[in-house]
Amino acid sequence: DYLDEAFPGKKLMPSDPYERAFQKML
């Protein structure tokens, strides 16, 4: 999560709050 937030380029976590929550639940 840190790498995804701290560095530019393609975001690997979705921007949609539900989709982010879904990935964390999975």
PDB file of all heavy atoms in Angstrom:
ATOM      1  N   ASP A   1       0.834  -1.207   0.000  1.00  0.00           N
ATOM      2  CA  ASP A   1       0.000   0.000   0.000  1.00  0.00           C
ATOM      3  C   ASP A   1       0.866   1.254   0.000  1.00  0.00           C
ATOM      4  O   ASP A   1       0.575   2.224  -0.700  1.00  0.00           O
ATOM      5  CB  ASP A   1      -0.924   0.021   1.233  1.00  0.00           C
ATOM      6  CG  ASP A   1      -2.121  -0.911   1.085  1.00  0.00           C
ATOM      7  OD1 ASP A   1      -2.362  -1.399  -0.039  1.00  0.00           O
ATOM      8  OD2 ASP A   1      -2.807  -1.162   2.097  1.00  0.00           O
ATOM      9  N   TYR A   2       1.935   1.219   0.798  1.00  0.00           N
ATOM     10  CA  TYR A   2       2.843   2.370   0.863  1.00  0.00           C
ATOM     11  C   TYR A   2       3.422   2.678  -0.521  1.00  0.00           C
ATOM     12  O   TYR A   2       3.412   3.822  -0.984  1.00  0.00           O
ATOM     13  CB  TYR A   2       3.985   2.104   1.863  1.00  0.00           C
ATOM     14  CG  TYR A   2       5.068   3.150   1.786  1.00  0.00           C
ATOM     15  CD1 TYR A   2       4.926   4.382   2.424  1.00  0.00           C
ATOM     16  CD2 TYR A   2       6.222   2.931   1.026  1.00  0.00           C
ATOM     17  CE1 TYR A   2       5.905   5.363   2.322  1.00  0.00           C
ATOM     18  CE2 TYR A   2       7.202   3.902   0.919  1.00  0.00           C
ATOM     19  CZ  TYR A   2       7.031   5.117   1.566  1.00  0.00           C
ATOM     20  OH  TYR A   2       8.006   6.089   1.439  1.00  0.00           O
ATOM     21  N   LEU A   3       3.925   1.639  -1.199  1.00  0.00           N
ATOM     22  CA  LEU A   3       4.534   1.840  -2.525  1.00  0.00           C
ATOM     23  C   LEU A   3       3.514   2.399  -3.510  1.00  0.00           C
ATOM     24  O   LEU A   3       3.828   3.262  -4.322  1.00  0.00           O
ATOM     25  CB  LEU A   3       5.089   0.511  -3.057  1.00  0.00           C
ATOM     26  CG  LEU A   3       6.312  -0.049  -2.312  1.00  0.00           C
ATOM     27  CD1 LEU A   3       6.632  -1.455  -2.808  1.00  0.00           C
ATOM     28  CD2 LEU A   3       7.533   0.858  -2.469  1.00  0.00           C
ATOM     29  N   ASP A   4       2.279   1.904  -3.415  1.00  0.00           N
ATOM     30  CA  ASP A   4       1.248   2.357  -4.348  1.00  0.00           C
ATOM     31  C   ASP A   4       0.907   3.829  -4.121  1.00  0.00           C
ATOM     32  O   ASP A   4       0.670   4.573  -5.068  1.00  0.00           O
ATOM     33  CB  ASP A   4      -0.014   1.495  -4.190  1.00  0.00           C
ATOM     34  CG  ASP A   4      -0.902   1.525  -5.427  1.00  0.00           C
ATOM     35  OD1 ASP A   4      -0.362   1.629  -6.549  1.00  0.00           O
ATOM     36  OD2 ASP A   4      -2.124   1.438  -5.273  1.00  0.00           O
ATOM     37  N   GLU A   5       0.912   4.237  -2.850  1.00  0.00           N
ATOM     38  CA  GLU A   5       0.552   5.619  -2.525  1.00  0.00           C
ATOM     39  C   GLU A   5       1.719   6.586  -2.688  1.00  0.00           C
ATOM     40  O   GLU A   5       1.526   7.746  -3.069  1.00  0.00           O
ATOM     41  CB  GLU A   5       0.028   5.690  -1.082  1.00  0.00           C
ATOM     42  CG  GLU A   5      -1.334   5.025  -0.910  1.00  0.00           C
ATOM     43  CD  GLU A   5      -1.740   4.883   0.551  1.00  0.00           C
ATOM     44  OE1 GLU A   5      -1.122   5.549   1.402  1.00  0.00           O
ATOM     45  OE2 GLU A   5      -2.667   4.107   0.829  1.00  0.00           O
ATOM     46  N   ALA A   6       2.922   6.120  -2.372  1.00  0.00           N
ATOM     47  CA  ALA A   6       4.078   7.033  -2.317  1.00  0.00           C
ATOM     48  C   ALA A   6       4.720   7.267  -3.683  1.00  0.00           C
ATOM     49  O   ALA A   6       5.442   8.244  -3.859  1.00  0.00           O
ATOM     50  CB  ALA A   6       5.122   6.490  -1.340  1.00  0.00           C
ATOM     51  N   PHE A   7       4.466   6.375  -4.635  1.00  0.00           N
ATOM     52  CA  PHE A   7       5.150   6.477  -5.928  1.00  0.00           C
ATOM     53  C   PHE A   7       4.144   6.702  -7.057  1.00  0.00           C
ATOM     54  O   PHE A   7       3.029   6.195  -7.017  1.00  0.00           O
ATOM     55  CB  PHE A   7       5.980   5.214  -6.190  1.00  0.00           C
ATOM     56  CG  PHE A   7       7.201   5.143  -5.314  1.00  0.00           C
ATOM     57  CD1 PHE A   7       7.113   4.597  -4.039  1.00  0.00           C
ATOM     58  CD2 PHE A   7       8.414   5.654  -5.741  1.00  0.00           C
ATOM     59  CE1 PHE A   7       8.223   4.545  -3.209  1.00  0.00           C
ATOM     60  CE2 PHE A   7       9.532   5.607  -4.921  1.00  0.00           C
ATOM     61  CZ  PHE A   7       9.443   5.059  -3.654  1.00  0.00           C
ATOM     62  N   PRO A   8       4.586   7.464  -8.059  1.00  0.00           N
ATOM     63  CA  PRO A   8       3.690   7.751  -9.192  1.00  0.00           C
ATOM     64  C   PRO A   8       3.506   6.525 -10.083  1.00  0.00           C
ATOM     65  O   PRO A   8       4.010   5.448  -9.789  1.00  0.00           O
ATOM     66  CB  PRO A   8       4.426   8.869  -9.939  1.00  0.00           C
ATOM     67  CG  PRO A   8       5.870   8.664  -9.608  1.00  0.00           C
ATOM     68  CD  PRO A   8       5.901   8.103  -8.215  1.00  0.00           C
ATOM     69  N   GLY A   9       2.824   6.735 -11.195  1.00  0.00           N
ATOM     70  CA  GLY A   9       2.602   5.629 -12.133  1.00  0.00           C
ATOM     71  C   GLY A   9       1.278   4.960 -11.850  1.00  0.00           C
ATOM     72  O   GLY A   9       0.448   5.446 -11.087  1.00  0.00           O
ATOM     73  N   LYS A  10       1.102   3.815 -12.479  1.00  0.00           N
ATOM     74  CA  LYS A  10      -0.154   3.066 -12.398  1.00  0.00           C
ATOM     75  C   LYS A  10      -0.542   2.787 -10.944  1.00  0.00           C
ATOM     76  O   LYS A  10       0.264   2.279 -10.155  1.00  0.00           O
ATOM     77  CB  LYS A  10       0.070   1.736 -13.144  1.00  0.00           C
ATOM     78  CG  LYS A  10      -1.075   0.765 -13.070  1.00  0.00           C
ATOM     79  CD  LYS A  10      -0.646  -0.571 -13.688  1.00  0.00           C
ATOM     80  CE  LYS A  10      -1.725  -1.614 -13.461  1.00  0.00           C
ATOM     81  NZ  LYS A  10      -1.289  -2.947 -13.820  1.00  0.00           N
ATOM     82  N   LYS A  11      -1.768   3.145 -10.573  1.00  0.00           N
ATOM     83  CA  LYS A  11      -2.259   2.831  -9.232  1.00  0.00           C
ATOM     84  C   LYS A  11      -2.806   1.403  -9.227  1.00  0.00           C
ATOM     85  O   LYS A  11      -3.616   1.042 -10.077  1.00  0.00           O
ATOM     86  CB  LYS A  11      -3.373   3.800  -8.810  1.00  0.00           C
ATOM     87  CG  LYS A  11      -2.870   5.212  -8.503  1.00  0.00           C
ATOM     88  CD  LYS A  11      -2.025   5.240  -7.244  1.00  0.00           C
ATOM     89  CE  LYS A  11      -1.454   6.617  -6.970  1.00  0.00           C
ATOM     90  NZ  LYS A  11      -0.172   6.566  -6.256  1.00  0.00           N
ATOM     91  N   LEU A  12      -2.337   0.612  -8.280  1.00  0.00           N
ATOM     92  CA  LEU A  12      -2.751  -0.788  -8.216  1.00  0.00           C
ATOM     93  C   LEU A  12      -4.000  -0.979  -7.365  1.00  0.00           C
ATOM     94  O   LEU A  12      -4.746  -1.928  -7.540  1.00  0.00           O
ATOM     95  CB  LEU A  12      -1.604  -1.646  -7.669  1.00  0.00           C
ATOM     96  CG  LEU A  12      -0.360  -1.672  -8.570  1.00  0.00           C
ATOM     97  CD1 LEU A  12       0.781  -2.382  -7.873  1.00  0.00           C
ATOM     98  CD2 LEU A  12      -0.663  -2.327  -9.910  1.00  0.00           C
ATOM     99  N   MET A  13      -4.211  -0.070  -6.408  1.00  0.00           N
ATOM    100  CA  MET A  13      -5.446  -0.108  -5.616  1.00  0.00           C
ATOM    101  C   MET A  13      -6.513   0.687  -6.355  1.00  0.00           C
ATOM    102  O   MET A  13      -6.220   1.751  -6.915  1.00  0.00           O
ATOM    103  CB  MET A  13      -5.227   0.488  -4.228  1.00  0.00           C
ATOM    104  CG  MET A  13      -4.727  -0.512  -3.204  1.00  0.00           C
ATOM    105  SD  MET A  13      -5.811  -1.934  -2.955  1.00  0.00           S
ATOM    106  CE  MET A  13      -6.505  -1.546  -1.355  1.00  0.00           C
ATOM    107  N   PRO A  14      -7.762   0.204  -6.379  1.00  0.00           N
ATOM    108  CA  PRO A  14      -8.816   0.935  -7.086  1.00  0.00           C
ATOM    109  C   PRO A  14      -9.113   2.279  -6.405  1.00  0.00           C
ATOM    110  O   PRO A  14      -8.886   2.437  -5.207  1.00  0.00           O
ATOM    111  CB  PRO A  14     -10.032   0.015  -6.982  1.00  0.00           C
ATOM    112  CG  PRO A  14      -9.596  -1.209  -6.262  1.00  0.00           C
ATOM    113  CD  PRO A  14      -8.237  -1.013  -5.724  1.00  0.00           C
ATOM    114  N   SER A  15      -9.623   3.225  -7.174  1.00  0.00           N
ATOM    115  CA  SER A  15      -9.978   4.533  -6.596  1.00  0.00           C
ATOM    116  C   SER A  15     -11.341   4.476  -5.916  1.00  0.00           C
ATOM    117  O   SER A  15     -11.617   5.235  -4.991  1.00  0.00           O
ATOM    118  CB  SER A  15      -9.965   5.615  -7.679  1.00  0.00           C
ATOM    119  OG  SER A  15     -10.839   5.236  -8.730  1.00  0.00           O
ATOM    120  N   ASP A  16     -12.205   3.558  -6.361  1.00  0.00           N
ATOM    121  CA  ASP A  16     -13.546   3.440  -5.784  1.00  0.00           C
ATOM    122  C   ASP A  16     -13.473   2.884  -4.360  1.00  0.00           C
ATOM    123  O   ASP A  16     -12.849   1.830  -4.132  1.00  0.00           O
ATOM    124  CB  ASP A  16     -14.383   2.499  -6.659  1.00  0.00           C
ATOM    125  CG  ASP A  16     -15.780   2.312  -6.098  1.00  0.00           C
ATOM    126  OD1 ASP A  16     -16.597   3.223  -6.281  1.00  0.00           O
ATOM    127  OD2 ASP A  16     -16.031   1.270  -5.453  1.00  0.00           O
ATOM    128  N   PRO A  17     -14.093   3.575  -3.365  1.00  0.00           N
ATOM    129  CA  PRO A  17     -13.985   3.130  -1.970  1.00  0.00           C
ATOM    130  C   PRO A  17     -14.494   1.705  -1.742  1.00  0.00           C
ATOM    131  O   PRO A  17     -13.889   0.940  -0.982  1.00  0.00           O
ATOM    132  CB  PRO A  17     -14.836   4.144  -1.198  1.00  0.00           C
ATOM    133  CG  PRO A  17     -14.864   5.357  -2.071  1.00  0.00           C
ATOM    134  CD  PRO A  17     -14.806   4.865  -3.484  1.00  0.00           C
ATOM    135  N   TYR A  18     -15.603   1.329  -2.411  1.00  0.00           N
ATOM    136  CA  TYR A  18     -16.102  -0.036  -2.208  1.00  0.00           C
ATOM    137  C   TYR A  18     -15.111  -1.060  -2.765  1.00  0.00           C
ATOM    138  O   TYR A  18     -14.846  -2.092  -2.134  1.00  0.00           O
ATOM    139  CB  TYR A  18     -17.478  -0.269  -2.852  1.00  0.00           C
ATOM    140  CG  TYR A  18     -17.822  -1.741  -2.774  1.00  0.00           C
ATOM    141  CD1 TYR A  18     -18.191  -2.318  -1.559  1.00  0.00           C
ATOM    142  CD2 TYR A  18     -17.672  -2.581  -3.888  1.00  0.00           C
ATOM    143  CE1 TYR A  18     -18.419  -3.684  -1.453  1.00  0.00           C
ATOM    144  CE2 TYR A  18     -17.896  -3.941  -3.786  1.00  0.00           C
ATOM    145  CZ  TYR A  18     -18.273  -4.490  -2.565  1.00  0.00           C
ATOM    146  OH  TYR A  18     -18.471  -5.847  -2.456  1.00  0.00           O
ATOM    147  N   GLU A  19     -14.567  -0.784  -3.949  1.00  0.00           N
ATOM    148  CA  GLU A  19     -13.629  -1.731  -4.569  1.00  0.00           C
ATOM    149  C   GLU A  19     -12.371  -1.895  -3.713  1.00  0.00           C
ATOM    150  O   GLU A  19     -11.818  -2.987  -3.604  1.00  0.00           O
ATOM    151  CB  GLU A  19     -13.268  -1.295  -5.995  1.00  0.00           C
ATOM    152  CG  GLU A  19     -14.395  -1.515  -6.996  1.00  0.00           C
ATOM    153  CD  GLU A  19     -14.793  -2.983  -7.145  1.00  0.00           C
ATOM    154  OE1 GLU A  19     -13.910  -3.851  -7.173  1.00  0.00           O
ATOM    155  OE2 GLU A  19     -16.007  -3.267  -7.227  1.00  0.00           O
ATOM    156  N   ARG A  20     -11.930  -0.782  -3.105  1.00  0.00           N
ATOM    157  CA  ARG A  20     -10.777  -0.865  -2.194  1.00  0.00           C
ATOM    158  C   ARG A  20     -11.127  -1.747  -0.998  1.00  0.00           C
ATOM    159  O   ARG A  20     -10.333  -2.601  -0.589  1.00  0.00           O
ATOM    160  CB  ARG A  20     -10.362   0.532  -1.705  1.00  0.00           C
ATOM    161  CG  ARG A  20      -9.446   1.259  -2.655  1.00  0.00           C
ATOM    162  CD  ARG A  20      -8.560   2.274  -1.954  1.00  0.00           C
ATOM    163  NE  ARG A  20      -9.303   3.235  -1.143  1.00  0.00           N
ATOM    164  CZ  ARG A  20      -9.904   4.308  -1.622  1.00  0.00           C
ATOM    165  NH1 ARG A  20      -9.869   4.572  -2.914  1.00  0.00           N
ATOM    166  NH2 ARG A  20     -10.547   5.140  -0.819  1.00  0.00           N
ATOM    167  N   ALA A  21     -12.318  -1.526  -0.441  1.00  0.00           N
ATOM    168  CA  ALA A  21     -12.768  -2.336   0.701  1.00  0.00           C
ATOM    169  C   ALA A  21     -12.886  -3.807   0.305  1.00  0.00           C
ATOM    170  O   ALA A  21     -12.486  -4.704   1.058  1.00  0.00           O
ATOM    171  CB  ALA A  21     -14.101  -1.810   1.215  1.00  0.00           C
ATOM    172  N   PHE A  22     -13.424  -4.054  -0.894  1.00  0.00           N
ATOM    173  CA  PHE A  22     -13.572  -5.432  -1.390  1.00  0.00           C
ATOM    174  C   PHE A  22     -12.209  -6.135  -1.427  1.00  0.00           C
ATOM    175  O   PHE A  22     -12.072  -7.281  -0.995  1.00  0.00           O
ATOM    176  CB  PHE A  22     -14.200  -5.418  -2.791  1.00  0.00           C
ATOM    177  CG  PHE A  22     -14.068  -6.731  -3.515  1.00  0.00           C
ATOM    178  CD1 PHE A  22     -14.894  -7.805  -3.206  1.00  0.00           C
ATOM    179  CD2 PHE A  22     -13.079  -6.903  -4.487  1.00  0.00           C
ATOM    180  CE1 PHE A  22     -14.747  -9.030  -3.853  1.00  0.00           C
ATOM    181  CE2 PHE A  22     -12.928  -8.123  -5.127  1.00  0.00           C
ATOM    182  CZ  PHE A  22     -13.760  -9.190  -4.819  1.00  0.00           C
ATOM    183  N   GLN A  23     -11.187  -5.439  -1.946  1.00  0.00           N
ATOM    184  CA  GLN A  23      -9.853  -6.055  -2.043  1.00  0.00           C
ATOM    185  C   GLN A  23      -9.292  -6.364  -0.655  1.00  0.00           C
ATOM    186  O   GLN A  23      -8.672  -7.405  -0.444  1.00  0.00           O
ATOM    187  CB  GLN A  23      -8.907  -5.153  -2.835  1.00  0.00           C
ATOM    188  CG  GLN A  23      -9.322  -5.009  -4.289  1.00  0.00           C
ATOM    189  CD  GLN A  23      -8.167  -4.814  -5.256  1.00  0.00           C
ATOM    190  OE1 GLN A  23      -6.993  -4.795  -4.888  1.00  0.00           O
ATOM    191  NE2 GLN A  23      -8.492  -4.680  -6.524  1.00  0.00           N
ATOM    192  N   LYS A  24      -9.548  -5.465   0.299  1.00  0.00           N
ATOM    193  CA  LYS A  24      -9.046  -5.695   1.656  1.00  0.00           C
ATOM    194  C   LYS A  24      -9.778  -6.857   2.327  1.00  0.00           C
ATOM    195  O   LYS A  24      -9.169  -7.648   3.059  1.00  0.00           O
ATOM    196  CB  LYS A  24      -9.161  -4.413   2.488  1.00  0.00           C
ATOM    197  CG  LYS A  24      -8.147  -3.358   2.047  1.00  0.00           C
ATOM    198  CD  LYS A  24      -8.304  -2.046   2.790  1.00  0.00           C
ATOM    199  CE  LYS A  24      -7.259  -1.044   2.303  1.00  0.00           C
ATOM    200  NZ  LYS A  24      -7.397   0.267   2.961  1.00  0.00           N
ATOM    201  N   MET A  25     -11.080  -6.965   2.078  1.00  0.00           N
ATOM    202  CA  MET A  25     -11.842  -8.088   2.638  1.00  0.00           C
ATOM    203  C   MET A  25     -11.374  -9.414   2.040  1.00  0.00           C
ATOM    204  O   MET A  25     -11.216 -10.415   2.756  1.00  0.00           O
ATOM    205  CB  MET A  25     -13.344  -7.892   2.394  1.00  0.00           C
ATOM    206  CG  MET A  25     -13.950  -6.771   3.218  1.00  0.00           C
ATOM    207  SD  MET A  25     -15.762  -6.656   3.066  1.00  0.00           S
ATOM    208  CE  MET A  25     -15.989  -6.124   1.362  1.00  0.00           C
ATOM    209  N   LEU A  26     -11.130  -9.407   0.736  1.00  0.00           N
ATOM    210  CA  LEU A  26     -10.671 -10.630   0.065  1.00  0.00           C
ATOM    211  C   LEU A  26      -9.297 -11.045   0.604  1.00  0.00           C
ATOM    212  O   LEU A  26      -9.041 -12.238   0.835  1.00  0.00           O
ATOM    213  CB  LEU A  26     -10.598 -10.392  -1.454  1.00  0.00           C
ATOM    214  CG  LEU A  26     -10.314 -11.607  -2.330  1.00  0.00           C
ATOM    215  CD1 LEU A  26     -11.284 -12.750  -2.047  1.00  0.00           C
ATOM    216  CD2 LEU A  26     -10.377 -11.232  -3.805  1.00  0.00           C
TER     217      LEU A  26
END
